[in-house]
Amino acid sequence: MKTCLNVSVEIDAAGDQDVSRIEEKLKGWLRNQPGVTSVTVTPPGGINAISWRESRLAAFGSRLRNPFARTRL
């Protein structure tokens, strides 16, 4: 008998590198569990988050500025 288990996990991390590290550790642990045949990590919205993070970093730099932050005139 095969079944599909969907789990939602909220991660409180310092940055994108921490999120990627946690995702990789979780996938590694799951793959080593008896009976687990495949593991897929899908971020909210179904996009590839790692590719999106890398694309955003390449396009906008390391951090996006806060549009509501105070500015000096």
PDB file of N, CA and C in Angstrom:
ATOM      1  N   MET A   1       0.837  -1.170   0.000  1.00  0.00           N
ATOM      2  CA  MET A   1       0.000   0.000   0.000  1.00  0.00           C
ATOM      3  C   MET A   1       0.886   1.240   0.000  1.00  0.00           C
ATOM      4  N   LYS A   2       0.577   2.179  -0.870  1.00  0.00           N
ATOM      5  CA  LYS A   2       1.291   3.455  -0.902  1.00  0.00           C
ATOM      6  C   LYS A   2       0.331   4.558  -0.498  1.00  0.00           C
ATOM      7  N   THR A   3       0.875   5.554   0.155  1.00  0.00           N
ATOM      8  CA  THR A   3       0.089   6.725   0.523  1.00  0.00           C
ATOM      9  C   THR A   3       0.946   7.969   0.381  1.00  0.00           C
ATOM     10  N   CYS A   4       0.322   9.102   0.211  1.00  0.00           N
ATOM     11  CA  CYS A   4       1.026  10.368   0.081  1.00  0.00           C
ATOM     12  C   CYS A   4       0.710  11.202   1.316  1.00  0.00           C
ATOM     13  N   LEU A   5       1.749  11.689   1.974  1.00  0.00           N
ATOM     14  CA  LEU A   5       1.591  12.499   3.176  1.00  0.00           C
ATOM     15  C   LEU A   5       2.020  13.923   2.858  1.00  0.00           C
ATOM     16  N   ASN A   6       1.116  14.881   3.025  1.00  0.00           N
ATOM     17  CA  ASN A   6       1.425  16.294   2.809  1.00  0.00           C
ATOM     18  C   ASN A   6       1.545  16.971   4.169  1.00  0.00           C
ATOM     19  N   VAL A   7       2.649  17.683   4.372  1.00  0.00           N
ATOM     20  CA  VAL A   7       2.919  18.338   5.644  1.00  0.00           C
ATOM     21  C   VAL A   7       3.274  19.791   5.382  1.00  0.00           C
ATOM     22  N   SER A   8       2.778  20.678   6.209  1.00  0.00           N
ATOM     23  CA  SER A   8       3.114  22.088   6.124  1.00  0.00           C
ATOM     24  C   SER A   8       4.002  22.444   7.318  1.00  0.00           C
ATOM     25  N   VAL A   9       5.138  23.090   7.050  1.00  0.00           N
ATOM     26  CA  VAL A   9       6.096  23.450   8.097  1.00  0.00           C
ATOM     27  C   VAL A   9       6.419  24.930   7.976  1.00  0.00           C
ATOM     28  N   GLU A  10       6.309  25.661   9.084  1.00  0.00           N
ATOM     29  CA  GLU A  10       6.716  27.060   9.105  1.00  0.00           C
ATOM     30  C   GLU A  10       8.122  27.131   9.670  1.00  0.00           C
ATOM     31  N   ILE A  11       8.995  27.876   8.994  1.00  0.00           N
ATOM     32  CA  ILE A  11      10.395  27.981   9.406  1.00  0.00           C
ATOM     33  C   ILE A  11      10.686  29.431   9.793  1.00  0.00           C
ATOM     34  N   ASP A  12      11.259  29.599  10.977  1.00  0.00           N
ATOM     35  CA  ASP A  12      11.707  30.915  11.423  1.00  0.00           C
ATOM     36  C   ASP A  12      13.225  30.913  11.307  1.00  0.00           C
ATOM     37  N   ALA A  13      13.749  31.538  10.256  1.00  0.00           N
ATOM     38  CA  ALA A  13      15.183  31.503   9.982  1.00  0.00           C
ATOM     39  C   ALA A  13      15.717  32.908   9.764  1.00  0.00           C
ATOM     40  N   ALA A  14      17.029  33.047   9.918  1.00  0.00           N
ATOM     41  CA  ALA A  14      17.675  34.349   9.787  1.00  0.00           C
ATOM     42  C   ALA A  14      17.763  34.815   8.336  1.00  0.00           C
ATOM     43  N   GLY A  15      17.819  33.880   7.400  1.00  0.00           N
ATOM     44  CA  GLY A  15      17.956  34.272   6.000  1.00  0.00           C
ATOM     45  C   GLY A  15      17.766  33.106   5.064  1.00  0.00           C
ATOM     46  N   ASP A  16      17.963  33.393   3.774  1.00  0.00           N
ATOM     47  CA  ASP A  16      17.759  32.381   2.738  1.00  0.00           C
ATOM     48  C   ASP A  16      18.679  31.184   2.904  1.00  0.00           C
ATOM     49  N   GLN A  17      19.928  31.427   3.324  1.00  0.00           N
ATOM     50  CA  GLN A  17      20.868  30.314   3.504  1.00  0.00           C
ATOM     51  C   GLN A  17      20.399  29.379   4.609  1.00  0.00           C
ATOM     52  N   ASP A  18      19.864  29.934   5.696  1.00  0.00           N
ATOM     53  CA  ASP A  18      19.341  29.098   6.775  1.00  0.00           C
ATOM     54  C   ASP A  18      18.156  28.268   6.311  1.00  0.00           C
ATOM     55  N   VAL A  19      17.275  28.883   5.529  1.00  0.00           N
ATOM     56  CA  VAL A  19      16.111  28.157   5.017  1.00  0.00           C
ATOM     57  C   VAL A  19      16.559  27.004   4.128  1.00  0.00           C
ATOM     58  N   SER A  20      17.491  27.264   3.218  1.00  0.00           N
ATOM     59  CA  SER A  20      17.994  26.212   2.325  1.00  0.00           C
ATOM     60  C   SER A  20      18.657  25.088   3.116  1.00  0.00           C
ATOM     61  N   ARG A  21      19.438  25.453   4.140  1.00  0.00           N
ATOM     62  CA  ARG A  21      20.118  24.455   4.966  1.00  0.00           C
ATOM     63  C   ARG A  21      19.106  23.577   5.700  1.00  0.00           C
ATOM     64  N   ILE A  22      18.066  24.190   6.265  1.00  0.00           N
ATOM     65  CA  ILE A  22      17.030  23.442   6.978  1.00  0.00           C
ATOM     66  C   ILE A  22      16.281  22.523   6.019  1.00  0.00           C
ATOM     67  N   GLU A  23      15.944  23.027   4.820  1.00  0.00           N
ATOM     68  CA  GLU A  23      15.258  22.204   3.818  1.00  0.00           C
ATOM     69  C   GLU A  23      16.099  20.982   3.455  1.00  0.00           C
ATOM     70  N   GLU A  24      17.393  21.178   3.225  1.00  0.00           N
ATOM     71  CA  GLU A  24      18.270  20.065   2.852  1.00  0.00           C
ATOM     72  C   GLU A  24      18.396  19.046   3.978  1.00  0.00           C
ATOM     73  N   LYS A  25      18.517  19.508   5.212  1.00  0.00           N
ATOM     74  CA  LYS A  25      18.598  18.588   6.351  1.00  0.00           C
ATOM     75  C   LYS A  25      17.314  17.763   6.483  1.00  0.00           C
ATOM     76  N   LEU A  26      16.167  18.434   6.319  1.00  0.00           N
ATOM     77  CA  LEU A  26      14.886  17.740   6.422  1.00  0.00           C
ATOM     78  C   LEU A  26      14.739  16.691   5.326  1.00  0.00           C
ATOM     79  N   LYS A  27      15.083  17.062   4.084  1.00  0.00           N
ATOM     80  CA  LYS A  27      14.999  16.099   2.981  1.00  0.00           C
ATOM     81  C   LYS A  27      15.938  14.923   3.215  1.00  0.00           C
ATOM     82  N   GLY A  28      17.153  15.188   3.697  1.00  0.00           N
ATOM     83  CA  GLY A  28      18.104  14.112   3.973  1.00  0.00           C
ATOM     84  C   GLY A  28      17.591  13.166   5.035  1.00  0.00           C
ATOM     85  N   TRP A  29      17.024  13.716   6.091  1.00  0.00           N
ATOM     86  CA  TRP A  29      16.490  12.878   7.172  1.00  0.00           C
ATOM     87  C   TRP A  29      15.329  12.026   6.673  1.00  0.00           C
ATOM     88  N   LEU A  30      14.413  12.633   5.919  1.00  0.00           N
ATOM     89  CA  LEU A  30      13.253  11.901   5.409  1.00  0.00           C
ATOM     90  C   LEU A  30      13.663  10.772   4.477  1.00  0.00           C
ATOM     91  N   ARG A  31      14.659  11.018   3.627  1.00  0.00           N
ATOM     92  CA  ARG A  31      15.095   9.980   2.678  1.00  0.00           C
ATOM     93  C   ARG A  31      15.673   8.758   3.388  1.00  0.00           C
ATOM     94  N   ASN A  32      16.180   8.939   4.603  1.00  0.00           N
ATOM     95  CA  ASN A  32      16.763   7.823   5.357  1.00  0.00           C
ATOM     96  C   ASN A  32      15.762   7.091   6.243  1.00  0.00           C
ATOM     97  N   GLN A  33      14.489   7.475   6.187  1.00  0.00           N
ATOM     98  CA  GLN A  33      13.478   6.801   6.998  1.00  0.00           C
ATOM     99  C   GLN A  33      12.951   5.571   6.263  1.00  0.00           C
ATOM    100  N   PRO A  34      12.738   4.479   7.002  1.00  0.00           N
ATOM    101  CA  PRO A  34      12.228   3.252   6.376  1.00  0.00           C
ATOM    102  C   PRO A  34      10.870   3.495   5.713  1.00  0.00           C
ATOM    103  N   GLY A  35      10.710   2.985   4.512  1.00  0.00           N
ATOM    104  CA  GLY A  35       9.444   3.076   3.804  1.00  0.00           C
ATOM    105  C   GLY A  35       9.271   4.335   2.971  1.00  0.00           C
ATOM    106  N   VAL A  36      10.124   5.330   3.152  1.00  0.00           N
ATOM    107  CA  VAL A  36       9.999   6.563   2.365  1.00  0.00           C
ATOM    108  C   VAL A  36      10.624   6.323   0.997  1.00  0.00           C
ATOM    109  N   THR A  37       9.823   6.475  -0.052  1.00  0.00           N
ATOM    110  CA  THR A  37      10.311   6.212  -1.411  1.00  0.00           C
ATOM    111  C   THR A  37      10.665   7.482  -2.173  1.00  0.00           C
ATOM    112  N   SER A  38      10.042   8.613  -1.822  1.00  0.00           N
ATOM    113  CA  SER A  38      10.394   9.876  -2.472  1.00  0.00           C
ATOM    114  C   SER A  38      10.058  11.041  -1.550  1.00  0.00           C
ATOM    115  N   VAL A  39      10.778  12.142  -1.751  1.00  0.00           N
ATOM    116  CA  VAL A  39      10.582  13.348  -0.946  1.00  0.00           C
ATOM    117  C   VAL A  39      10.543  14.535  -1.898  1.00  0.00           C
ATOM    118  N   THR A  40       9.530  15.380  -1.753  1.00  0.00           N
ATOM    119  CA  THR A  40       9.420  16.600  -2.544  1.00  0.00           C
ATOM    120  C   THR A  40       9.133  17.748  -1.593  1.00  0.00           C
ATOM    121  N   VAL A  41       9.937  18.791  -1.673  1.00  0.00           N
ATOM    122  CA  VAL A  41       9.712  19.987  -0.871  1.00  0.00           C
ATOM    123  C   VAL A  41       9.196  21.070  -1.807  1.00  0.00           C
ATOM    124  N   THR A  42       7.986  21.526  -1.561  1.00  0.00           N
ATOM    125  CA  THR A  42       7.369  22.545  -2.396  1.00  0.00           C
ATOM    126  C   THR A  42       7.006  23.741  -1.528  1.00  0.00           C
ATOM    127  N   PRO A  43       7.530  24.904  -1.835  1.00  0.00           N
ATOM    128  CA  PRO A  43       7.189  26.091  -1.059  1.00  0.00           C
ATOM    129  C   PRO A  43       5.761  26.540  -1.348  1.00  0.00           C
ATOM    130  N   PRO A  44       5.208  27.409  -0.516  1.00  0.00           N
ATOM    131  CA  PRO A  44       3.853  27.914  -0.778  1.00  0.00           C
ATOM    132  C   PRO A  44       3.762  28.518  -2.179  1.00  0.00           C
ATOM    133  N   GLY A  45       2.692  28.225  -2.863  1.00  0.00           N
ATOM    134  CA  GLY A  45       2.502  28.737  -4.212  1.00  0.00           C
ATOM    135  C   GLY A  45       3.019  27.797  -5.291  1.00  0.00           C
ATOM    136  N   GLY A  46       3.752  26.747  -4.899  1.00  0.00           N
ATOM    137  CA  GLY A  46       4.206  25.743  -5.840  1.00  0.00           C
ATOM    138  C   GLY A  46       5.380  26.153  -6.703  1.00  0.00           C
ATOM    139  N   ILE A  47       6.062  27.251  -6.394  1.00  0.00           N
ATOM    140  CA  ILE A  47       7.215  27.646  -7.195  1.00  0.00           C
ATOM    141  C   ILE A  47       8.478  27.024  -6.630  1.00  0.00           C
ATOM    142  N   ASN A  48       9.520  27.023  -7.398  1.00  0.00           N
ATOM    143  CA  ASN A  48      10.804  26.526  -6.928  1.00  0.00           C
ATOM    144  C   ASN A  48      11.476  27.658  -6.162  1.00  0.00           C
ATOM    145  N   ALA A  49      11.420  27.602  -4.833  1.00  0.00           N
ATOM    146  CA  ALA A  49      11.891  28.702  -3.985  1.00  0.00           C
ATOM    147  C   ALA A  49      13.383  28.940  -4.120  1.00  0.00           C
ATOM    148  N   ILE A  50      14.163  27.896  -4.246  1.00  0.00           N
ATOM    149  CA  ILE A  50      15.605  28.075  -4.336  1.00  0.00           C
ATOM    150  C   ILE A  50      15.950  28.832  -5.616  1.00  0.00           C
ATOM    151  N   SER A  51      15.342  28.460  -6.733  1.00  0.00           N
ATOM    152  CA  SER A  51      15.574  29.176  -7.990  1.00  0.00           C
ATOM    153  C   SER A  51      15.089  30.607  -7.892  1.00  0.00           C
ATOM    154  N   TRP A  52      13.938  30.796  -7.243  1.00  0.00           N
ATOM    155  CA  TRP A  52      13.412  32.144  -7.093  1.00  0.00           C
ATOM    156  C   TRP A  52      14.358  33.000  -6.255  1.00  0.00           C
ATOM    157  N   ARG A  53      14.875  32.430  -5.141  1.00  0.00           N
ATOM    158  CA  ARG A  53      15.802  33.180  -4.296  1.00  0.00           C
ATOM    159  C   ARG A  53      17.051  33.572  -5.075  1.00  0.00           C
ATOM    160  N   GLU A  54      17.605  32.626  -5.850  1.00  0.00           N
ATOM    161  CA  GLU A  54      18.811  32.911  -6.628  1.00  0.00           C
ATOM    162  C   GLU A  54      18.533  33.968  -7.689  1.00  0.00           C
ATOM    163  N   SER A  55      17.377  33.911  -8.344  1.00  0.00           N
ATOM    164  CA  SER A  55      17.016  34.901  -9.356  1.00  0.00           C
ATOM    165  C   SER A  55      16.833  36.280  -8.737  1.00  0.00           C
ATOM    166  N   ARG A  56      16.165  36.319  -7.589  1.00  0.00           N
ATOM    167  CA  ARG A  56      15.964  37.591  -6.898  1.00  0.00           C
ATOM    168  C   ARG A  56      17.300  38.194  -6.484  1.00  0.00           C
ATOM    169  N   LEU A  57      18.186  37.349  -5.966  1.00  0.00           N
ATOM    170  CA  LEU A  57      19.505  37.821  -5.547  1.00  0.00           C
ATOM    171  C   LEU A  57      20.283  38.385  -6.739  1.00  0.00           C
ATOM    172  N   ALA A  58      20.221  37.691  -7.868  1.00  0.00           N
ATOM    173  CA  ALA A  58      20.939  38.156  -9.064  1.00  0.00           C
ATOM    174  C   ALA A  58      20.349  39.465  -9.592  1.00  0.00           C
ATOM    175  N   ALA A  59      19.035  39.609  -9.517  1.00  0.00           N
ATOM    176  CA  ALA A  59      18.389  40.795 -10.072  1.00  0.00           C
ATOM    177  C   ALA A  59      18.454  42.012  -9.155  1.00  0.00           C
ATOM    178  N   PHE A  60      18.288  41.788  -7.846  1.00  0.00           N
ATOM    179  CA  PHE A  60      18.126  42.919  -6.934  1.00  0.00           C
ATOM    180  C   PHE A  60      19.233  43.068  -5.897  1.00  0.00           C
ATOM    181  N   GLY A  61      20.160  42.128  -5.829  1.00  0.00           N
ATOM    182  CA  GLY A  61      21.208  42.209  -4.817  1.00  0.00           C
ATOM    183  C   GLY A  61      20.828  41.443  -3.555  1.00  0.00           C
ATOM    184  N   SER A  62      21.628  41.618  -2.527  1.00  0.00           N
ATOM    185  CA  SER A  62      21.464  40.790  -1.341  1.00  0.00           C
ATOM    186  C   SER A  62      20.203  41.100  -0.540  1.00  0.00           C
ATOM    187  N   ARG A  63      19.765  42.334  -0.504  1.00  0.00           N
ATOM    188  CA  ARG A  63      18.560  42.659   0.246  1.00  0.00           C
ATOM    189  C   ARG A  63      17.743  43.690  -0.513  1.00  0.00           C
ATOM    190  N   LEU A  64      16.448  43.532  -0.440  1.00  0.00           N
ATOM    191  CA  LEU A  64      15.569  44.550  -0.986  1.00  0.00           C
ATOM    192  C   LEU A  64      15.393  45.641   0.060  1.00  0.00           C
ATOM    193  N   ARG A  65      15.372  46.877  -0.367  1.00  0.00           N
ATOM    194  CA  ARG A  65      15.185  47.980   0.563  1.00  0.00           C
ATOM    195  C   ARG A  65      13.736  48.052   1.012  1.00  0.00           C
ATOM    196  N   ASN A  66      13.538  48.517   2.218  1.00  0.00           N
ATOM    197  CA  ASN A  66      12.204  48.713   2.752  1.00  0.00           C
ATOM    198  C   ASN A  66      11.626  49.987   2.131  1.00  0.00           C
ATOM    199  N   PRO A  67      10.536  49.895   1.363  1.00  0.00           N
ATOM    200  CA  PRO A  67       9.988  51.092   0.724  1.00  0.00           C
ATOM    201  C   PRO A  67       9.378  52.066   1.725  1.00  0.00           C
ATOM    202  N   PHE A  68       9.156  51.637   2.959  1.00  0.00           N
ATOM    203  CA  PHE A  68       8.547  52.484   3.975  1.00  0.00           C
ATOM    204  C   PHE A  68       9.557  53.030   4.971  1.00  0.00           C
ATOM    205  N   ALA A  69      10.835  52.729   4.745  1.00  0.00           N
ATOM    206  CA  ALA A  69      11.870  53.200   5.655  1.00  0.00           C
ATOM    207  C   ALA A  69      12.043  54.724   5.529  1.00  0.00           C
ATOM    208  N   ARG A  70      12.493  55.320   6.586  1.00  0.00           N
ATOM    209  CA  ARG A  70      12.744  56.760   6.564  1.00  0.00           C
ATOM    210  C   ARG A  70      13.896  57.070   5.610  1.00  0.00           C
ATOM    211  N   THR A  71      13.788  58.173   4.930  1.00  0.00           N
ATOM    212  CA  THR A  71      14.837  58.602   4.010  1.00  0.00           C
ATOM    213  C   THR A  71      15.373  59.946   4.467  1.00  0.00           C
ATOM    214  N   ARG A  72      16.602  60.223   4.108  1.00  0.00           N
ATOM    215  CA  ARG A  72      17.196  61.515   4.437  1.00  0.00           C
ATOM    216  C   ARG A  72      17.069  62.418   3.223  1.00  0.00           C
ATOM    217  N   LEU A  73      16.585  63.599   3.458  1.00  0.00           N
ATOM    218  CA  LEU A  73      16.451  64.567   2.352  1.00  0.00           C
ATOM    219  C   LEU A  73      17.519  65.618   2.444  1.00  0.00           C
TER     220      LEU A  73
END
